[in-house]
Structure formats: C-alpha cells, structure tokens
Amino acid sequence: MRGGDKVESEVEKYLNNIKSVLDQKKKESYLQLQKKFDELIQNKEKQLEEVKRKALKEVSK
C-alpha cells in the first residue's frame, strides 16, 4: 500500500465514522420528535374529550 493510499483509507474511515455518528444523531432526533408529537396529540385528545364531556353535561341539563 502506498502512502497516499493509506492516507485516503484513513480519510475514508474518518468520514465513515462521522457519517455513522450523524446517522445515529439523526435517528435519535427523529425518535425524540416522534415522542414529542405523540405527547402533543395525546394532550389535544384529552382536551377535546374534556370539551366534549363539558358540552354533553351542559346539553343534558
């Protein structure tokens, strides 16, 4: 292996490592966003159920 090939190989390893780290961060960020979105949806559903419950209570008076 020539010196230039070795440097190129090291650069490829370094770039692949960076790509791997970035892919993992991307995956983690996506999962965090998905979790937050699910929480927001659940909270809105609870709020709507509360509005529905209050409306039905008022209608039944």
Protein backbone atom coordinates (compact mmCIF):
# COMPACT_ATOMS: atom_id res chain seq x y z
CA MET A 1 0.00 0.00 0.00
CA ARG A 2 1.42 3.37 -0.97
CA GLY A 3 1.47 6.32 1.42
CA GLY A 4 -1.25 8.15 -0.50
CA ASP A 5 -3.50 5.10 -0.43
CA LYS A 6 -3.05 4.81 3.33
CA VAL A 7 -4.00 8.45 3.86
CA GLU A 8 -7.01 8.01 1.59
CA SER A 9 -8.02 4.91 3.54
CA GLU A 10 -7.73 6.79 6.85
CA VAL A 11 -9.79 9.66 5.44
CA GLU A 12 -12.48 7.21 4.31
CA LYS A 13 -12.55 5.63 7.77
CA TYR A 14 -12.83 9.07 9.36
CA LEU A 15 -15.63 10.15 7.01
CA ASN A 16 -17.48 6.87 7.52
CA ASN A 17 -17.20 7.35 11.28
CA ILE A 18 -18.60 10.88 11.02
CA LYS A 19 -21.44 9.62 8.81
CA SER A 20 -22.23 6.89 11.32
CA VAL A 21 -22.33 9.38 14.21
CA LEU A 22 -24.52 11.77 12.22
CA ASP A 23 -26.89 8.97 11.20
CA GLN A 24 -27.24 7.96 14.86
CA LYS A 25 -27.90 11.58 15.91
CA LYS A 26 -30.49 11.87 13.12
CA LYS A 27 -32.22 8.71 14.33
CA GLU A 28 -32.21 9.92 17.95
CA SER A 29 -33.58 13.32 16.93
CA TYR A 30 -36.33 11.70 14.88
CA LEU A 31 -37.33 9.48 17.81
CA GLN A 32 -37.40 12.49 20.16
CA LEU A 33 -39.56 14.43 17.71
CA GLN A 34 -41.90 11.48 17.28
CA LYS A 35 -42.25 11.11 21.06
CA LYS A 36 -42.97 14.83 21.49
CA PHE A 37 -45.50 14.75 18.64
CA ASP A 38 -47.25 11.76 20.22
CA GLU A 39 -47.40 13.59 23.56
CA LEU A 40 -48.89 16.67 21.91
CA ILE A 41 -51.51 14.58 20.11
CA GLN A 42 -52.45 12.79 23.35
CA ASN A 43 -52.79 16.12 25.17
CA LYS A 44 -55.03 17.51 22.42
CA GLU A 45 -57.17 14.36 22.53
CA LYS A 46 -57.56 14.77 26.31
CA GLN A 47 -58.50 18.42 25.87
CA LEU A 48 -61.09 17.53 23.24
CA GLU A 49 -62.53 14.80 25.47
CA GLU A 50 -62.83 17.34 28.29
CA VAL A 51 -64.62 19.81 26.00
CA LYS A 52 -66.92 17.02 24.81
CA ARG A 53 -67.65 15.95 28.39
CA LYS A 54 -68.47 19.53 29.44
CA ALA A 55 -70.64 20.09 26.36
CA LEU A 56 -72.61 16.89 26.99
CA LYS A 57 -73.02 17.88 30.64
CA GLU A 58 -74.42 21.28 29.58
CA VAL A 59 -76.76 19.74 26.99
CA SER A 60 -78.14 17.25 29.49
CA LYS A 61 -79.17 19.97 31.98
